Amino acid sequence: MSDPTDPASPRVEGTVQTFLTFRPYPLQVGQKIFIDGGPRRGDWEVVDLTDRKVKLRCPLSGREVEWDRFCYLVKERRGTWPHPD
């Protein structure tokens, strides 16, 4: 497979396709978030951040977890939080 960053690599011409673009969300301590799906689904509050990790707290149980940064913004909205089931 050719490396597009290598100037000596042959350029592969693409075709027009539909594709998705993801951008990491710049979380801030104190933000309230809702993860909509997967094993992390639910309401969380951002309690700490590093370049690689995010520490979240569940507003109901108080449980804190630390994961590799993973959040991508889908949409921002106003509403009841914690999220009603």
N, C-alpha and C. Protein backbone atom coordinates (compact mmCIF):
# COMPACT_ATOMS: atom_id res chain seq x y z
N MET A 1 0.85 -1.18 0.00
CA MET A 1 0.00 0.00 0.00
C MET A 1 0.89 1.24 0.00
N SER A 2 0.57 2.22 -0.80
CA SER A 2 1.39 3.42 -0.89
C SER A 2 1.11 4.35 0.28
N ASP A 3 2.14 5.11 0.64
CA ASP A 3 2.04 6.07 1.74
C ASP A 3 1.81 7.45 1.13
N PRO A 4 0.61 8.06 1.34
CA PRO A 4 0.32 9.35 0.72
C PRO A 4 1.18 10.49 1.26
N THR A 5 1.85 10.29 2.40
CA THR A 5 2.71 11.34 2.96
C THR A 5 4.13 11.26 2.40
N ASP A 6 4.46 10.18 1.69
CA ASP A 6 5.78 9.99 1.10
C ASP A 6 5.78 10.59 -0.30
N PRO A 7 6.60 11.66 -0.52
CA PRO A 7 6.60 12.30 -1.85
C PRO A 7 7.04 11.35 -2.97
N ALA A 8 7.78 10.28 -2.66
CA ALA A 8 8.22 9.33 -3.68
C ALA A 8 7.13 8.31 -3.99
N SER A 9 6.11 8.25 -3.19
CA SER A 9 5.04 7.28 -3.38
C SER A 9 4.15 7.72 -4.55
N PRO A 10 3.74 6.77 -5.40
CA PRO A 10 2.87 7.16 -6.51
C PRO A 10 1.51 7.63 -6.00
N ARG A 11 0.99 8.67 -6.61
CA ARG A 11 -0.31 9.22 -6.21
C ARG A 11 -1.42 8.32 -6.74
N VAL A 12 -2.31 7.97 -5.83
CA VAL A 12 -3.46 7.15 -6.23
C VAL A 12 -4.64 8.09 -6.41
N GLU A 13 -5.22 8.09 -7.58
CA GLU A 13 -6.38 8.94 -7.84
C GLU A 13 -7.61 8.31 -7.21
N GLY A 14 -8.37 9.12 -6.48
CA GLY A 14 -9.56 8.63 -5.81
C GLY A 14 -10.80 8.85 -6.64
N THR A 15 -11.86 8.30 -6.18
CA THR A 15 -13.16 8.53 -6.79
C THR A 15 -14.03 9.22 -5.74
N VAL A 16 -15.05 9.88 -6.19
CA VAL A 16 -15.94 10.58 -5.27
C VAL A 16 -16.74 9.54 -4.51
N GLN A 17 -16.66 9.58 -3.19
CA GLN A 17 -17.34 8.65 -2.30
C GLN A 17 -17.95 9.42 -1.14
N THR A 18 -18.89 8.81 -0.50
CA THR A 18 -19.40 9.36 0.76
C THR A 18 -18.55 8.79 1.89
N PHE A 19 -18.12 9.65 2.80
CA PHE A 19 -17.32 9.20 3.92
C PHE A 19 -17.65 10.02 5.15
N LEU A 20 -17.26 9.52 6.29
CA LEU A 20 -17.51 10.18 7.57
C LEU A 20 -16.22 10.80 8.09
N THR A 21 -16.33 11.96 8.69
CA THR A 21 -15.19 12.62 9.31
C THR A 21 -15.47 12.75 10.80
N PHE A 22 -14.53 12.31 11.62
CA PHE A 22 -14.66 12.41 13.07
C PHE A 22 -13.58 13.34 13.60
N ARG A 23 -13.95 14.13 14.58
CA ARG A 23 -13.01 15.05 15.20
C ARG A 23 -13.15 14.91 16.71
N PRO A 24 -12.05 14.67 17.43
CA PRO A 24 -12.15 14.59 18.89
C PRO A 24 -12.73 15.89 19.45
N TYR A 25 -13.60 15.74 20.43
CA TYR A 25 -14.22 16.92 21.04
C TYR A 25 -13.32 17.46 22.15
N PRO A 26 -13.09 18.76 22.19
CA PRO A 26 -12.22 19.36 23.22
C PRO A 26 -12.97 19.50 24.55
N LEU A 27 -13.11 18.39 25.27
CA LEU A 27 -13.82 18.41 26.54
C LEU A 27 -13.17 19.35 27.53
N GLN A 28 -13.97 19.81 28.50
CA GLN A 28 -13.48 20.67 29.57
C GLN A 28 -14.00 20.14 30.90
N VAL A 29 -13.18 20.27 31.94
CA VAL A 29 -13.59 19.84 33.27
C VAL A 29 -14.88 20.58 33.65
N GLY A 30 -15.83 19.83 34.20
CA GLY A 30 -17.11 20.39 34.62
C GLY A 30 -18.22 20.18 33.61
N GLN A 31 -17.88 19.81 32.37
CA GLN A 31 -18.92 19.60 31.37
C GLN A 31 -19.74 18.36 31.72
N LYS A 32 -21.02 18.43 31.42
CA LYS A 32 -21.94 17.32 31.60
C LYS A 32 -22.20 16.73 30.23
N ILE A 33 -22.02 15.41 30.12
CA ILE A 33 -22.16 14.77 28.82
C ILE A 33 -23.10 13.58 28.92
N PHE A 34 -23.68 13.20 27.80
CA PHE A 34 -24.49 11.99 27.69
C PHE A 34 -23.90 11.17 26.57
N ILE A 35 -23.49 9.94 26.86
CA ILE A 35 -22.97 9.03 25.85
C ILE A 35 -24.14 8.16 25.39
N ASP A 36 -24.44 8.26 24.12
CA ASP A 36 -25.65 7.64 23.56
C ASP A 36 -25.32 6.31 22.89
N GLY A 37 -25.04 5.29 23.70
CA GLY A 37 -24.81 3.96 23.15
C GLY A 37 -23.53 3.33 23.65
N GLY A 38 -23.47 2.01 23.52
CA GLY A 38 -22.29 1.26 23.90
C GLY A 38 -22.18 1.04 25.40
N PRO A 39 -21.09 0.41 25.84
CA PRO A 39 -20.94 0.09 27.26
C PRO A 39 -20.76 1.32 28.15
N ARG A 40 -20.43 2.46 27.58
CA ARG A 40 -20.25 3.70 28.35
C ARG A 40 -21.51 4.55 28.38
N ARG A 41 -22.60 4.02 27.84
CA ARG A 41 -23.85 4.77 27.71
C ARG A 41 -24.28 5.37 29.04
N GLY A 42 -24.73 6.61 28.99
CA GLY A 42 -25.28 7.25 30.18
C GLY A 42 -24.77 8.65 30.38
N ASP A 43 -25.13 9.21 31.54
CA ASP A 43 -24.73 10.56 31.92
C ASP A 43 -23.41 10.52 32.67
N TRP A 44 -22.57 11.50 32.37
CA TRP A 44 -21.27 11.61 33.01
C TRP A 44 -20.92 13.08 33.18
N GLU A 45 -20.09 13.35 34.18
CA GLU A 45 -19.51 14.69 34.34
C GLU A 45 -18.00 14.55 34.20
N VAL A 46 -17.40 15.46 33.44
CA VAL A 46 -15.95 15.44 33.23
C VAL A 46 -15.30 16.00 34.50
N VAL A 47 -14.45 15.19 35.15
CA VAL A 47 -13.81 15.64 36.39
C VAL A 47 -12.32 15.86 36.26
N ASP A 48 -11.68 15.30 35.22
CA ASP A 48 -10.25 15.52 35.02
C ASP A 48 -9.89 15.14 33.59
N LEU A 49 -8.86 15.78 33.06
CA LEU A 49 -8.39 15.52 31.70
C LEU A 49 -6.88 15.57 31.63
N THR A 50 -6.32 14.70 30.82
CA THR A 50 -4.92 14.82 30.41
C THR A 50 -4.92 14.76 28.89
N ASP A 51 -3.73 14.81 28.29
CA ASP A 51 -3.66 14.71 26.83
C ASP A 51 -4.19 13.38 26.33
N ARG A 52 -4.12 12.33 27.17
CA ARG A 52 -4.49 10.99 26.73
C ARG A 52 -5.71 10.41 27.45
N LYS A 53 -6.04 10.91 28.61
CA LYS A 53 -7.09 10.29 29.44
C LYS A 53 -8.20 11.29 29.76
N VAL A 54 -9.39 10.74 30.05
CA VAL A 54 -10.51 11.53 30.54
C VAL A 54 -11.06 10.79 31.76
N LYS A 55 -11.29 11.53 32.84
CA LYS A 55 -11.88 10.95 34.05
C LYS A 55 -13.29 11.48 34.17
N LEU A 56 -14.24 10.54 34.30
CA LEU A 56 -15.66 10.89 34.33
C LEU A 56 -16.28 10.39 35.63
N ARG A 57 -17.34 11.11 36.08
CA ARG A 57 -18.09 10.71 37.27
C ARG A 57 -19.56 10.55 36.91
N CYS A 58 -20.16 9.45 37.36
CA CYS A 58 -21.60 9.24 37.18
C CYS A 58 -22.32 10.13 38.19
N PRO A 59 -23.30 10.95 37.75
CA PRO A 59 -23.99 11.86 38.66
C PRO A 59 -24.95 11.14 39.61
N LEU A 60 -25.30 9.91 39.30
CA LEU A 60 -26.24 9.17 40.14
C LEU A 60 -25.53 8.32 41.20
N SER A 61 -24.52 7.55 40.79
CA SER A 61 -23.83 6.66 41.72
C SER A 61 -22.57 7.27 42.31
N GLY A 62 -22.03 8.31 41.67
CA GLY A 62 -20.77 8.89 42.12
C GLY A 62 -19.56 8.10 41.64
N ARG A 63 -19.77 7.01 40.92
CA ARG A 63 -18.68 6.18 40.41
C ARG A 63 -17.81 7.00 39.46
N GLU A 64 -16.49 6.88 39.64
CA GLU A 64 -15.55 7.56 38.75
C GLU A 64 -14.80 6.53 37.93
N VAL A 65 -14.60 6.85 36.66
CA VAL A 65 -13.87 5.98 35.74
C VAL A 65 -12.88 6.83 34.96
N GLU A 66 -11.80 6.19 34.53
CA GLU A 66 -10.81 6.88 33.70
C GLU A 66 -10.58 6.04 32.46
N TRP A 67 -10.74 6.67 31.30
CA TRP A 67 -10.58 5.98 30.03
C TRP A 67 -9.67 6.79 29.12
N ASP A 68 -9.14 6.12 28.09
CA ASP A 68 -8.47 6.86 27.02
C ASP A 68 -9.49 7.81 26.42
N ARG A 69 -9.03 8.98 25.99
CA ARG A 69 -9.96 9.95 25.40
C ARG A 69 -10.62 9.34 24.17
N PHE A 70 -11.93 9.52 24.06
CA PHE A 70 -12.69 8.84 23.01
C PHE A 70 -13.85 9.66 22.50
N CYS A 71 -14.19 10.75 23.12
CA CYS A 71 -15.45 11.45 22.81
C CYS A 71 -15.37 12.22 21.50
N TYR A 72 -16.43 12.06 20.71
CA TYR A 72 -16.60 12.78 19.46
C TYR A 72 -17.97 13.42 19.49
N LEU A 73 -18.05 14.69 19.17
CA LEU A 73 -19.31 15.41 19.23
C LEU A 73 -20.25 14.97 18.11
N VAL A 74 -21.46 14.62 18.48
CA VAL A 74 -22.49 14.33 17.49
C VAL A 74 -23.40 15.55 17.38
N LYS A 75 -23.89 16.03 18.51
CA LYS A 75 -24.65 17.28 18.51
C LYS A 75 -24.67 17.83 19.93
N GLU A 76 -24.91 19.11 20.02
CA GLU A 76 -25.00 19.78 21.31
C GLU A 76 -26.44 20.25 21.47
N ARG A 77 -27.02 20.04 22.64
CA ARG A 77 -28.40 20.47 22.84
C ARG A 77 -28.66 20.78 24.30
N ARG A 78 -29.74 21.50 24.55
CA ARG A 78 -30.17 21.80 25.91
C ARG A 78 -31.27 20.83 26.29
N GLY A 79 -31.27 20.41 27.55
CA GLY A 79 -32.30 19.48 28.00
C GLY A 79 -32.03 19.05 29.42
N THR A 80 -32.88 18.18 29.94
CA THR A 80 -32.76 17.68 31.30
C THR A 80 -31.51 16.82 31.43
N TRP A 81 -30.76 17.06 32.49
CA TRP A 81 -29.58 16.25 32.78
C TRP A 81 -29.51 16.06 34.28
N PRO A 82 -29.30 14.89 34.89
CA PRO A 82 -29.09 13.64 34.19
C PRO A 82 -30.23 13.30 33.25
N HIS A 83 -29.89 12.56 32.24
CA HIS A 83 -30.79 12.21 31.16
C HIS A 83 -31.93 11.32 31.65
N PRO A 84 -33.18 11.70 31.41
CA PRO A 84 -34.29 10.83 31.83
C PRO A 84 -34.32 9.56 30.96
N ASP A 85 -34.60 8.43 31.60
CA ASP A 85 -34.65 7.17 30.83
C ASP A 85 -35.90 7.02 30.06
